[in-house]
N, C-alpha and C. Protein backbone atom coordinates (compact mmCIF):
# COMPACT_ATOMS: atom_id res chain seq x y z
N UNK A 1 133.98 98.66 73.68
CA UNK A 1 132.73 99.40 73.32
C UNK A 1 133.37 100.75 73.01
N UNK A 2 133.00 101.32 71.82
CA UNK A 2 133.44 102.60 71.53
C UNK A 2 132.33 103.67 72.30
N UNK A 3 132.94 105.06 72.56
CA UNK A 3 132.12 106.16 73.03
C UNK A 3 130.80 106.22 72.70
N UNK A 4 130.66 106.15 71.28
CA UNK A 4 129.08 106.35 70.83
C UNK A 4 128.37 105.12 71.35
N UNK A 5 128.67 103.97 71.05
CA UNK A 5 127.79 103.04 71.66
C UNK A 5 127.74 102.82 73.10
N UNK A 6 128.53 103.26 73.77
CA UNK A 6 128.36 103.38 75.31
C UNK A 6 127.30 104.61 75.48
N UNK A 7 127.34 105.75 74.73
CA UNK A 7 126.43 106.79 74.96
C UNK A 7 124.93 106.47 74.58
N UNK A 8 124.80 105.45 73.56
CA UNK A 8 123.62 105.09 73.11
C UNK A 8 123.03 103.91 74.17
N UNK A 9 123.77 103.18 74.60
CA UNK A 9 123.41 102.45 75.71
C UNK A 9 123.11 103.07 77.04
N UNK A 10 123.75 104.22 77.33
CA UNK A 10 123.21 105.05 78.60
C UNK A 10 121.90 105.74 78.28
N UNK A 11 121.82 106.11 77.20
CA UNK A 11 120.47 106.98 76.69
C UNK A 11 119.14 105.78 76.72
N UNK A 12 119.62 104.59 76.32
CA UNK A 12 118.44 103.64 76.32
C UNK A 12 118.25 103.49 78.03
N UNK A 13 119.33 103.09 78.80
CA UNK A 13 119.19 102.96 80.21
C UNK A 13 118.22 104.07 80.80
N UNK A 14 118.47 105.27 80.56
CA UNK A 14 117.90 106.49 81.16
C UNK A 14 116.41 106.15 80.62
N UNK A 15 115.87 106.01 79.40
CA UNK A 15 114.83 106.03 78.93
C UNK A 15 114.08 104.98 79.63
N UNK A 16 114.63 103.93 79.88
CA UNK A 16 113.98 102.79 80.63
C UNK A 16 113.63 103.21 82.00
N UNK A 17 114.44 103.73 82.43
CA UNK A 17 114.24 104.21 83.97
C UNK A 17 113.25 105.23 84.02
N UNK A 18 113.30 106.29 82.99
CA UNK A 18 112.12 107.32 82.98
C UNK A 18 110.55 106.35 82.88
N UNK A 19 110.56 105.46 82.29
CA UNK A 19 109.50 104.62 82.03
C UNK A 19 108.92 104.04 83.32
N UNK A 20 109.98 103.40 84.11
CA UNK A 20 109.77 102.92 85.47
C UNK A 20 109.30 103.85 86.24
N UNK A 21 109.91 105.03 86.27
CA UNK A 21 109.52 106.23 87.42
C UNK A 21 108.03 106.44 86.85
N UNK A 22 107.63 106.62 85.54
CA UNK A 22 106.29 107.10 85.40
C UNK A 22 105.44 106.10 85.73
N UNK A 23 105.50 104.84 85.46
CA UNK A 23 104.65 103.67 86.00
C UNK A 23 104.59 103.69 87.50
N UNK A 24 105.75 103.97 88.23
CA UNK A 24 105.32 103.93 89.72
C UNK A 24 105.07 105.45 90.65
N UNK A 25 104.91 106.42 89.71
CA UNK A 25 104.51 107.60 90.08
C UNK A 25 103.14 107.84 90.45
N UNK A 26 102.31 106.93 90.03
CA UNK A 26 100.86 107.04 90.37
C UNK A 26 100.33 105.67 90.99
N UNK A 27 100.85 105.62 92.12
CA UNK A 27 100.26 104.32 93.01
C UNK A 27 98.67 104.34 93.19
N UNK A 28 98.06 103.11 92.94
CA UNK A 28 96.52 102.88 93.17
C UNK A 28 96.49 101.85 94.28
N UNK A 29 96.30 102.16 95.58
CA UNK A 29 96.22 101.32 96.64
C UNK A 29 94.95 100.99 97.08
N UNK A 30 94.47 99.69 96.94
CA UNK A 30 93.09 99.00 97.27
C UNK A 30 93.10 99.26 98.74
N UNK A 31 91.80 99.86 99.19
CA UNK A 31 91.59 100.17 100.53
C UNK A 31 90.74 99.01 101.11
N UNK A 32 90.90 99.02 102.63
CA UNK A 32 90.35 98.03 103.46
C UNK A 32 88.82 98.03 103.36
N UNK A 33 88.23 99.23 102.75
CA UNK A 33 87.08 99.51 102.39
C UNK A 33 86.54 99.04 101.04
N UNK A 34 85.77 98.31 100.92
CA UNK A 34 85.56 97.64 99.69
C UNK A 34 85.28 98.68 98.64
N UNK A 35 85.70 98.39 97.39
CA UNK A 35 85.31 99.34 96.19
C UNK A 35 85.88 100.62 96.48
N UNK A 36 87.00 100.89 97.10
CA UNK A 36 87.50 102.19 97.59
C UNK A 36 89.16 102.11 97.30
N UNK A 37 89.65 103.31 96.36
CA UNK A 37 90.91 103.09 96.20
C UNK A 37 91.73 104.43 96.80
N UNK A 38 92.86 104.02 97.10
CA UNK A 38 93.79 105.28 97.76
C UNK A 38 94.74 105.73 96.77
N UNK A 39 94.93 107.07 96.63
CA UNK A 39 96.03 107.56 95.71
C UNK A 39 96.77 108.61 96.39
N UNK A 40 97.87 108.31 96.86
CA UNK A 40 98.96 109.35 97.50
C UNK A 40 99.61 110.03 96.35
N UNK A 41 99.39 111.40 96.15
CA UNK A 41 100.18 112.12 95.14
C UNK A 41 101.30 112.76 95.93
N UNK A 42 102.56 112.10 95.69
CA UNK A 42 103.61 112.73 96.54
C UNK A 42 104.72 113.08 95.70
N UNK A 43 105.32 114.28 96.13
CA UNK A 43 106.50 114.49 95.32
C UNK A 43 106.30 115.55 94.30
N UNK A 44 107.29 115.88 93.45
CA UNK A 44 107.17 116.74 92.23
C UNK A 44 106.06 116.58 91.42
N UNK A 45 105.19 117.70 91.17
CA UNK A 45 103.87 117.35 90.50
C UNK A 45 103.76 118.48 89.32
N UNK A 46 103.73 118.11 88.03
CA UNK A 46 103.37 119.15 87.13
C UNK A 46 102.03 118.54 86.30
N UNK A 47 101.91 119.31 85.22
CA UNK A 47 100.75 119.01 84.37
C UNK A 47 100.79 117.68 83.77
N UNK A 48 101.99 117.24 83.27
CA UNK A 48 101.96 115.97 82.70
C UNK A 48 101.81 114.85 83.68
N UNK A 49 102.13 115.04 84.96
CA UNK A 49 102.13 114.14 86.00
C UNK A 49 100.57 113.84 86.41
N UNK A 50 100.06 114.83 86.48
CA UNK A 50 98.39 115.02 86.69
C UNK A 50 97.78 114.31 85.76
N UNK A 51 98.12 114.61 84.45
CA UNK A 51 97.38 114.15 83.24
C UNK A 51 97.59 112.60 83.43
N UNK A 52 98.77 111.98 83.82
CA UNK A 52 98.98 110.79 84.08
C UNK A 52 98.23 110.06 85.10
N UNK A 53 98.14 110.84 86.13
CA UNK A 53 97.13 110.40 87.28
C UNK A 53 95.75 110.11 86.83
N UNK A 54 95.36 111.35 86.14
CA UNK A 54 94.00 111.11 85.73
C UNK A 54 94.00 109.86 84.55
N UNK A 55 94.69 109.79 83.69
CA UNK A 55 94.64 108.53 82.76
C UNK A 55 94.55 107.18 83.57
N UNK A 56 95.68 107.30 84.58
CA UNK A 56 95.88 105.83 85.22
C UNK A 56 94.35 105.42 86.11
N UNK A 57 93.87 106.56 86.75
CA UNK A 57 92.73 106.20 87.41
C UNK A 57 91.66 105.91 86.68
N UNK A 58 91.39 106.52 85.49
CA UNK A 58 90.26 106.15 84.61
C UNK A 58 90.60 104.75 83.95
N UNK A 59 91.90 104.38 83.53
CA UNK A 59 92.09 103.13 83.16
C UNK A 59 91.68 102.04 84.26
N UNK A 60 92.04 102.37 85.45
CA UNK A 60 91.85 101.43 86.66
C UNK A 60 90.13 101.43 86.85
N UNK A 61 89.48 102.39 86.78
CA UNK A 61 88.07 102.46 86.64
C UNK A 61 87.53 101.74 85.72
N UNK A 62 87.84 101.68 84.45
CA UNK A 62 87.58 100.83 83.47
C UNK A 62 87.52 99.39 83.65
N UNK A 63 88.61 98.97 84.15
CA UNK A 63 89.04 97.62 84.42
C UNK A 63 88.39 97.34 85.94
N UNK A 64 87.91 98.10 86.62
CA UNK A 64 87.53 97.74 88.02
C UNK A 64 86.10 98.44 88.25
N UNK A 65 84.99 97.98 87.54
CA UNK A 65 84.04 98.76 87.56
C UNK A 65 83.08 98.89 88.81
N UNK A 66 83.69 97.96 89.86
CA UNK A 66 83.06 98.38 90.90
C UNK A 66 83.57 99.22 91.99
N UNK A 67 84.49 99.74 91.31
CA UNK A 67 85.08 101.18 92.26
C UNK A 67 84.19 102.31 92.62
N UNK A 68 83.75 102.62 93.58
CA UNK A 68 82.95 103.56 94.32
C UNK A 68 83.35 104.67 94.42
N UNK A 69 84.73 104.77 95.22
CA UNK A 69 85.26 106.12 95.61
C UNK A 69 86.79 105.91 95.38
N UNK A 70 87.44 107.28 95.13
CA UNK A 70 88.81 107.53 95.05
C UNK A 70 89.31 108.41 96.04
N UNK A 71 90.16 108.24 96.85
CA UNK A 71 90.93 109.18 97.79
C UNK A 71 92.06 109.82 97.53
N UNK A 72 92.24 110.79 96.94
CA UNK A 72 93.34 111.44 96.62
C UNK A 72 94.15 112.14 97.84
N UNK A 73 95.26 112.11 98.22
CA UNK A 73 96.08 112.78 99.13
C UNK A 73 97.07 113.55 98.54
N UNK A 74 96.77 114.94 98.73
CA UNK A 74 97.89 115.81 98.18
C UNK A 74 98.65 116.66 99.19
N UNK A 75 98.72 116.00 100.35
CA UNK A 75 99.53 116.72 101.31
C UNK A 75 101.11 116.50 101.20
N UNK A 76 101.71 115.95 100.36
CA UNK A 76 102.99 115.77 100.33
C UNK A 76 103.42 116.02 98.71
N UNK A 77 102.83 116.96 98.00
CA UNK A 77 103.22 117.33 96.72
C UNK A 77 104.08 118.65 96.73
N UNK A 78 104.75 118.60 95.77
CA UNK A 78 105.81 119.82 95.39
C UNK A 78 105.19 120.26 93.91
N UNK A 79 104.84 121.46 93.80
CA UNK A 79 104.49 122.01 92.58
C UNK A 79 105.79 122.41 91.62
N UNK A 80 105.48 122.13 90.38
CA UNK A 80 106.77 122.38 89.41
C UNK A 80 107.04 123.69 88.97
N UNK A 81 105.94 124.53 88.94
CA UNK A 81 106.04 125.83 88.48
C UNK A 81 105.23 127.00 89.23
N UNK A 82 105.47 128.27 88.80
CA UNK A 82 104.85 129.18 89.58
C UNK A 82 103.07 129.09 89.39
N UNK A 83 102.68 128.65 88.21
CA UNK A 83 101.37 128.56 87.87
C UNK A 83 101.05 127.26 88.49
N UNK A 84 101.67 126.50 89.26
CA UNK A 84 101.20 125.35 89.52
C UNK A 84 100.09 125.14 90.16
N UNK A 85 99.55 125.95 91.26
CA UNK A 85 98.20 125.93 91.97
C UNK A 85 97.04 126.25 91.07
N UNK A 86 97.32 126.95 89.91
CA UNK A 86 96.27 127.10 89.11
C UNK A 86 96.09 126.07 88.22
N UNK A 87 97.25 125.19 87.67
CA UNK A 87 97.23 123.92 86.80
C UNK A 87 96.76 122.68 87.79
N UNK A 88 96.86 122.99 89.16
CA UNK A 88 96.29 121.82 89.91
C UNK A 88 94.90 121.99 90.20
N UNK A 89 94.65 123.06 90.18
CA UNK A 89 92.97 123.54 90.37
C UNK A 89 92.17 122.93 89.05
N UNK A 90 92.73 123.20 87.89
CA UNK A 90 92.34 122.84 86.70
C UNK A 90 92.21 121.52 86.61
N UNK A 91 93.28 120.60 86.69
CA UNK A 91 93.43 119.26 86.85
C UNK A 91 92.53 118.36 87.69
N UNK A 92 92.28 119.12 88.94
CA UNK A 92 91.52 118.55 89.88
C UNK A 92 90.09 118.60 89.41
N UNK A 93 89.87 119.90 88.80
CA UNK A 93 88.42 119.81 88.43
C UNK A 93 88.26 118.75 87.24
N UNK A 94 89.08 118.64 86.53
CA UNK A 94 88.93 117.49 85.20
C UNK A 94 88.80 116.33 85.72
N UNK A 95 89.69 116.14 86.75
CA UNK A 95 89.73 114.59 87.09
C UNK A 95 88.35 114.22 88.00
N UNK A 96 87.90 115.15 88.70
CA UNK A 96 86.59 115.16 89.62
C UNK A 96 85.41 114.90 88.47
N UNK A 97 85.29 115.67 87.39
CA UNK A 97 84.35 115.46 86.30
C UNK A 97 84.32 114.14 85.67
N UNK A 98 85.53 113.83 85.43
CA UNK A 98 85.66 112.37 84.76
C UNK A 98 85.27 111.23 85.48
N UNK A 99 85.67 111.45 86.91
CA UNK A 99 85.61 110.30 87.89
C UNK A 99 83.92 110.39 87.97
N UNK A 100 83.22 111.17 88.41
CA UNK A 100 81.82 111.43 88.48
C UNK A 100 81.05 110.90 87.45
N UNK A 101 81.73 111.00 85.95
CA UNK A 101 80.98 110.42 84.60
C UNK A 101 81.00 108.92 84.78
N UNK A 102 82.16 108.47 85.31
CA UNK A 102 82.40 107.12 85.78
C UNK A 102 81.71 106.41 86.84
N UNK A 103 81.13 106.97 87.62
CA UNK A 103 80.09 106.81 88.57
C UNK A 103 80.91 106.66 89.98
N UNK A 104 82.20 107.28 90.02
CA UNK A 104 83.04 107.05 91.07
C UNK A 104 83.08 108.69 91.80
N UNK A 105 83.10 108.36 93.10
CA UNK A 105 83.14 109.43 94.04
C UNK A 105 84.43 109.96 94.35
N UNK A 106 84.99 111.04 93.79
CA UNK A 106 86.52 111.55 94.22
C UNK A 106 86.16 112.27 95.32
N UNK A 107 87.14 111.83 96.37
CA UNK A 107 87.45 112.56 97.67
C UNK A 107 88.91 113.03 97.70
N UNK A 108 89.05 114.26 98.00
CA UNK A 108 90.55 114.81 98.21
C UNK A 108 90.86 115.14 99.58
N UNK A 109 92.12 114.77 99.96
CA UNK A 109 92.61 115.03 101.17
C UNK A 109 93.94 115.72 101.13
N UNK A 110 94.40 116.61 102.21
CA UNK A 110 95.61 117.09 102.20
C UNK A 110 95.94 118.17 101.78
N UNK A 111 94.96 119.06 101.40
CA UNK A 111 95.09 120.32 100.72
C UNK A 111 95.99 121.15 101.64
N UNK A 112 96.82 122.18 101.07
CA UNK A 112 97.46 123.16 101.94
C UNK A 112 96.72 124.38 101.66
N UNK A 113 96.99 125.43 102.57
CA UNK A 113 96.40 126.62 102.65
C UNK A 113 96.51 127.20 101.44
N UNK A 114 97.82 127.44 100.64
CA UNK A 114 97.66 128.12 99.32
C UNK A 114 96.81 127.27 98.37
N UNK A 115 96.48 126.14 98.28
CA UNK A 115 95.95 125.45 97.37
C UNK A 115 94.33 125.50 97.65
N UNK A 116 93.93 125.66 98.94
CA UNK A 116 92.72 126.13 99.32
C UNK A 116 92.36 127.21 98.83
N UNK A 117 93.19 128.27 98.94
CA UNK A 117 92.81 129.70 98.56
C UNK A 117 92.60 129.46 96.78
N UNK A 118 93.55 128.74 96.26
CA UNK A 118 93.27 128.82 94.94
C UNK A 118 92.03 128.12 94.47
N UNK A 119 91.60 126.96 95.23
CA UNK A 119 90.46 126.41 94.61
C UNK A 119 89.10 127.50 95.07
N UNK A 120 89.16 128.14 96.13
CA UNK A 120 88.12 129.11 96.56
C UNK A 120 87.97 130.25 95.24
N UNK A 121 89.34 130.69 94.97
CA UNK A 121 89.32 131.71 93.84
C UNK A 121 88.71 131.28 92.55
N UNK A 122 88.87 129.91 92.12
CA UNK A 122 88.44 129.34 91.06
C UNK A 122 87.27 128.99 91.20
N UNK A 123 86.32 129.07 92.21
CA UNK A 123 85.07 128.84 92.30
C UNK A 123 84.49 127.61 92.35
N UNK A 124 85.43 126.66 92.60
CA UNK A 124 85.37 125.14 92.76
C UNK A 124 85.19 124.32 94.11
N UNK A 125 85.57 125.19 95.08
CA UNK A 125 85.91 124.68 96.42
C UNK A 125 84.75 123.86 96.77
N UNK A 126 83.35 124.61 96.58
CA UNK A 126 82.19 123.98 97.13
C UNK A 126 81.90 122.58 96.37
N UNK A 127 82.58 122.50 95.05
CA UNK A 127 82.29 121.22 94.41
C UNK A 127 83.14 119.98 94.82
N UNK A 128 84.25 120.27 95.52
CA UNK A 128 84.97 119.11 95.78
C UNK A 128 84.91 118.78 97.25
N UNK A 129 84.74 117.30 97.51
CA UNK A 129 84.67 116.82 98.73
C UNK A 129 85.83 116.70 99.33
N UNK A 130 86.28 117.22 100.50
CA UNK A 130 87.42 116.98 101.09
C UNK A 130 87.56 116.79 102.40
N UNK A 131 88.61 116.22 102.91
CA UNK A 131 88.71 116.24 104.39
C UNK A 131 90.32 116.37 104.85
N UNK A 132 90.58 116.22 105.92
CA UNK A 132 92.13 116.83 106.37
C UNK A 132 93.14 115.66 106.05
N UNK A 133 92.47 114.46 105.88
CA UNK A 133 93.70 113.30 105.81
C UNK A 133 92.86 112.04 105.62
N UNK A 134 93.66 111.12 105.03
CA UNK A 134 93.14 109.85 104.44
C UNK A 134 92.08 109.11 105.78
N UNK A 135 92.77 109.40 107.02
CA UNK A 135 92.01 108.73 107.92
C UNK A 135 90.43 109.33 108.31
N UNK A 136 90.46 110.75 108.07
CA UNK A 136 89.15 111.36 108.15
C UNK A 136 88.11 110.92 106.97
N UNK A 137 88.65 110.81 105.90
CA UNK A 137 88.11 110.24 104.79
C UNK A 137 87.41 109.09 104.82
N UNK A 138 88.40 108.05 105.19
CA UNK A 138 88.03 106.75 105.38
C UNK A 138 87.15 106.55 106.56
N UNK A 139 87.23 107.19 107.55
CA UNK A 139 86.06 107.32 108.57
C UNK A 139 84.75 107.47 108.28
N UNK A 140 84.67 108.50 107.47
CA UNK A 140 83.35 109.00 106.68
C UNK A 140 82.72 107.91 105.89
N UNK A 141 83.67 107.14 104.93
CA UNK A 141 83.34 106.29 104.25
C UNK A 141 82.71 104.84 105.09
N UNK A 142 83.44 104.61 105.99
CA UNK A 142 83.18 103.68 106.92
C UNK A 142 81.80 103.67 107.81
N UNK A 143 81.63 105.15 108.11
CA UNK A 143 80.17 105.54 108.79
C UNK A 143 79.13 105.29 107.75
N UNK A 144 79.48 105.68 106.51
CA UNK A 144 78.37 105.75 105.67
C UNK A 144 77.89 104.21 105.36
N UNK A 145 78.97 103.31 105.58
CA UNK A 145 78.68 101.86 105.01
C UNK A 145 78.28 101.18 106.35
N UNK A 146 78.26 101.81 107.59
CA UNK A 146 78.01 101.02 108.76
C UNK A 146 79.04 100.15 109.21
N UNK A 147 80.40 100.58 108.95
CA UNK A 147 81.65 99.63 109.24
C UNK A 147 82.57 100.19 110.25
N UNK A 148 82.88 99.39 111.09
CA UNK A 148 83.50 99.94 112.18
C UNK A 148 84.87 98.84 112.42
N UNK A 149 85.97 99.67 112.90
CA UNK A 149 87.05 98.52 113.29
C UNK A 149 86.72 98.10 114.88
N UNK A 150 87.32 96.94 115.24
CA UNK A 150 87.08 96.50 116.46
C UNK A 150 88.33 95.88 117.04
N UNK A 151 88.87 96.02 118.25
CA UNK A 151 89.97 95.59 118.70
C UNK A 151 89.76 94.21 119.30
N UNK A 152 90.61 93.29 118.93
CA UNK A 152 90.49 91.88 119.34
C UNK A 152 90.86 91.74 120.55
């Protein structure tokens, strides 16, 4: 194989891996609580990724019309840029509005202190339903539905 062919093959492989990473970067996990999905947002996060999250969740909601709640965990994110908190705040507002229009209750967990300050400064903190972690959010949903865990 000549060097040019090898370079083109490597470029194609890289493009294929990028698509795989994009597809797996937004996991949607069905919860033990009926009609509830969990979305851990982990690692490097920028505007493009958040747009992908919003798109994938909306696609899921369109395909699974019984979805009632979506719980997003932001405890393990790394922001891509200095304006990252501002971008994330705007994306969060958009996601919340879109999901509410689809009839889905957006619940956010795992906010860091700097992000909390940004949400308060943006004036949207009171519009966001949030809890410390997945467990707390799921416990609230279970209580509302009259569900409980029992040990066998």
